[in-house]
Amino acid sequence: QRILRLAEMCRRLETEEEKVLPFYPSSLAEWEQQHAHRVLVDTASEPLARAMQDYVGLERFWQRFNKAKLEEKGLERAQAALANRNQNLRGLLRQYLEGAAINEKVPKEPHPL
């Protein structure tokens, strides 16, 4: 109940994009979505299935939670890629600066040997 109450409170803070397209599109085919909907609508005969009907309201929470986790993992990968690129650029800059320092030390006159 607490999660549902917090979800209702957070609904006001959603951006327009989140309100219109709150989740990623389903990867299920149309007939698979219809079948899943029929299964959800059918009355449950087993005790566990009946107990699960009490948690249907949490489905939206779990969708949002999973979306947030996917975005978090994507951002972690992007951060790792940027850190790797940054390290490569630092190495190139170090090589350039070392080359520039060596060139300044080389005398303008030809070497006597």
Protein backbone atom coordinates (compact mmCIF):
# COMPACT_ATOMS: atom_id res chain seq x y z
CA GLN A 1 0.00 0.00 0.00
CA ARG A 2 2.89 2.33 0.76
CA ILE A 3 4.43 1.75 -2.67
CA LEU A 4 1.10 2.41 -4.39
CA ARG A 5 0.59 5.61 -2.37
CA LEU A 6 4.10 6.81 -3.25
CA ALA A 7 3.51 5.97 -6.91
CA GLU A 8 0.39 8.12 -6.91
CA MET A 9 2.32 10.99 -5.33
CA CYS A 10 5.13 10.66 -7.87
CA ARG A 11 2.68 10.66 -10.79
CA ARG A 12 2.42 14.45 -10.44
CA LEU A 13 6.19 14.80 -10.89
CA GLU A 14 6.35 12.85 -14.15
CA THR A 15 7.36 14.63 -17.32
CA GLU A 16 4.95 14.86 -20.23
CA GLU A 17 6.92 12.20 -22.11
CA GLU A 18 6.62 9.78 -19.19
CA LYS A 19 2.89 10.39 -18.99
CA VAL A 20 2.37 9.73 -22.68
CA LEU A 21 4.92 6.94 -23.20
CA PRO A 22 5.72 5.64 -19.72
CA PHE A 23 7.27 2.35 -20.83
CA TYR A 24 9.13 0.77 -23.67
CA PRO A 25 6.91 -0.80 -26.32
CA SER A 26 6.10 -4.45 -25.79
CA SER A 27 8.11 -7.04 -27.68
CA LEU A 28 5.13 -9.39 -27.75
CA ALA A 29 3.16 -9.98 -30.92
CA GLU A 30 -0.47 -8.83 -30.99
CA TRP A 31 -1.86 -12.34 -30.48
CA GLU A 32 0.54 -12.91 -27.57
CA GLN A 33 -0.63 -9.70 -25.91
CA GLN A 34 -4.27 -10.75 -26.36
CA HIS A 35 -3.54 -14.17 -24.87
CA ALA A 36 -1.74 -12.62 -21.88
CA HIS A 37 -4.68 -10.25 -21.34
CA ARG A 38 -7.16 -13.17 -21.45
CA VAL A 39 -5.09 -15.08 -18.88
CA LEU A 40 -5.10 -12.05 -16.58
CA VAL A 41 -8.85 -11.53 -16.94
CA ASP A 42 -9.79 -15.18 -16.34
CA THR A 43 -10.75 -16.01 -12.77
CA ALA A 44 -8.05 -17.86 -10.94
CA SER A 45 -8.72 -21.32 -9.56
CA GLU A 46 -5.49 -21.94 -7.67
CA PRO A 47 -4.85 -20.20 -4.32
CA LEU A 48 -1.52 -18.75 -5.44
CA ALA A 49 -3.09 -17.32 -8.59
CA ARG A 50 -5.88 -15.76 -6.53
CA ALA A 51 -3.29 -14.24 -4.19
CA MET A 52 -1.46 -12.78 -7.18
CA GLN A 53 -4.60 -10.86 -8.15
CA ASP A 54 -3.98 -8.71 -5.06
CA TYR A 55 -0.68 -7.57 -6.54
CA VAL A 56 -1.88 -6.59 -10.01
CA GLY A 57 -1.66 -2.95 -8.91
CA LEU A 58 2.09 -3.39 -8.47
CA GLU A 59 2.54 -4.28 -12.13
CA ARG A 60 2.97 -0.61 -13.04
CA PHE A 61 5.53 -0.23 -10.25
CA TRP A 62 7.57 -3.19 -11.51
CA GLN A 63 7.45 -1.84 -15.06
CA ARG A 64 8.82 1.48 -13.88
CA PHE A 65 11.39 -0.22 -11.67
CA ASN A 66 12.62 -2.40 -14.55
CA LYS A 67 12.77 0.61 -16.87
CA ALA A 68 14.84 2.51 -14.32
CA LYS A 69 17.19 -0.46 -13.90
CA LEU A 70 17.65 -0.76 -17.67
CA GLU A 71 18.43 2.93 -17.93
CA GLU A 72 20.86 2.65 -15.03
CA LYS A 73 22.72 -0.22 -16.70
CA GLY A 74 22.82 1.70 -19.98
CA LEU A 75 24.27 4.74 -18.24
CA GLU A 76 26.87 2.58 -16.49
CA ARG A 77 27.97 1.17 -19.85
CA ALA A 78 28.10 4.64 -21.38
CA GLN A 79 30.14 5.90 -18.42
CA ALA A 80 32.59 3.00 -18.77
CA ALA A 81 32.96 3.69 -22.50
CA LEU A 82 33.58 7.39 -21.84
CA ALA A 83 36.12 6.60 -19.11
CA ASN A 84 37.94 4.29 -21.54
CA ARG A 85 37.91 6.96 -24.25
CA ASN A 86 39.13 9.55 -21.75
CA GLN A 87 42.01 7.29 -20.76
CA ASN A 88 42.97 6.81 -24.43
CA LEU A 89 42.87 10.56 -25.05
CA ARG A 90 45.02 11.20 -22.00
CA GLY A 91 47.56 8.72 -23.31
CA LEU A 92 47.64 10.44 -26.70
CA LEU A 93 48.01 13.84 -25.04
CA ARG A 94 50.87 12.53 -22.88
CA GLN A 95 52.63 11.19 -25.99
CA TYR A 96 52.17 14.50 -27.78
CA LEU A 97 53.52 16.50 -24.84
CA GLU A 98 56.51 14.17 -24.47
CA GLY A 99 57.23 14.57 -28.19
CA ALA A 100 56.98 18.35 -27.92
CA ALA A 101 59.35 18.39 -24.94
CA ILE A 102 61.92 16.26 -26.78
CA ASN A 103 61.76 18.49 -29.86
CA GLU A 104 62.52 21.57 -27.75
CA LYS A 105 65.60 19.89 -26.29
CA VAL A 106 67.01 18.96 -29.69
CA PRO A 107 69.58 21.61 -30.70
CA LYS A 108 68.98 23.56 -33.88
CA GLU A 109 72.52 22.86 -35.09
CA PRO A 110 73.25 19.46 -36.59
CA HIS A 111 74.79 17.00 -34.21
CA PRO A 112 78.61 17.12 -34.39
CA LEU A 113 78.98 13.34 -34.67
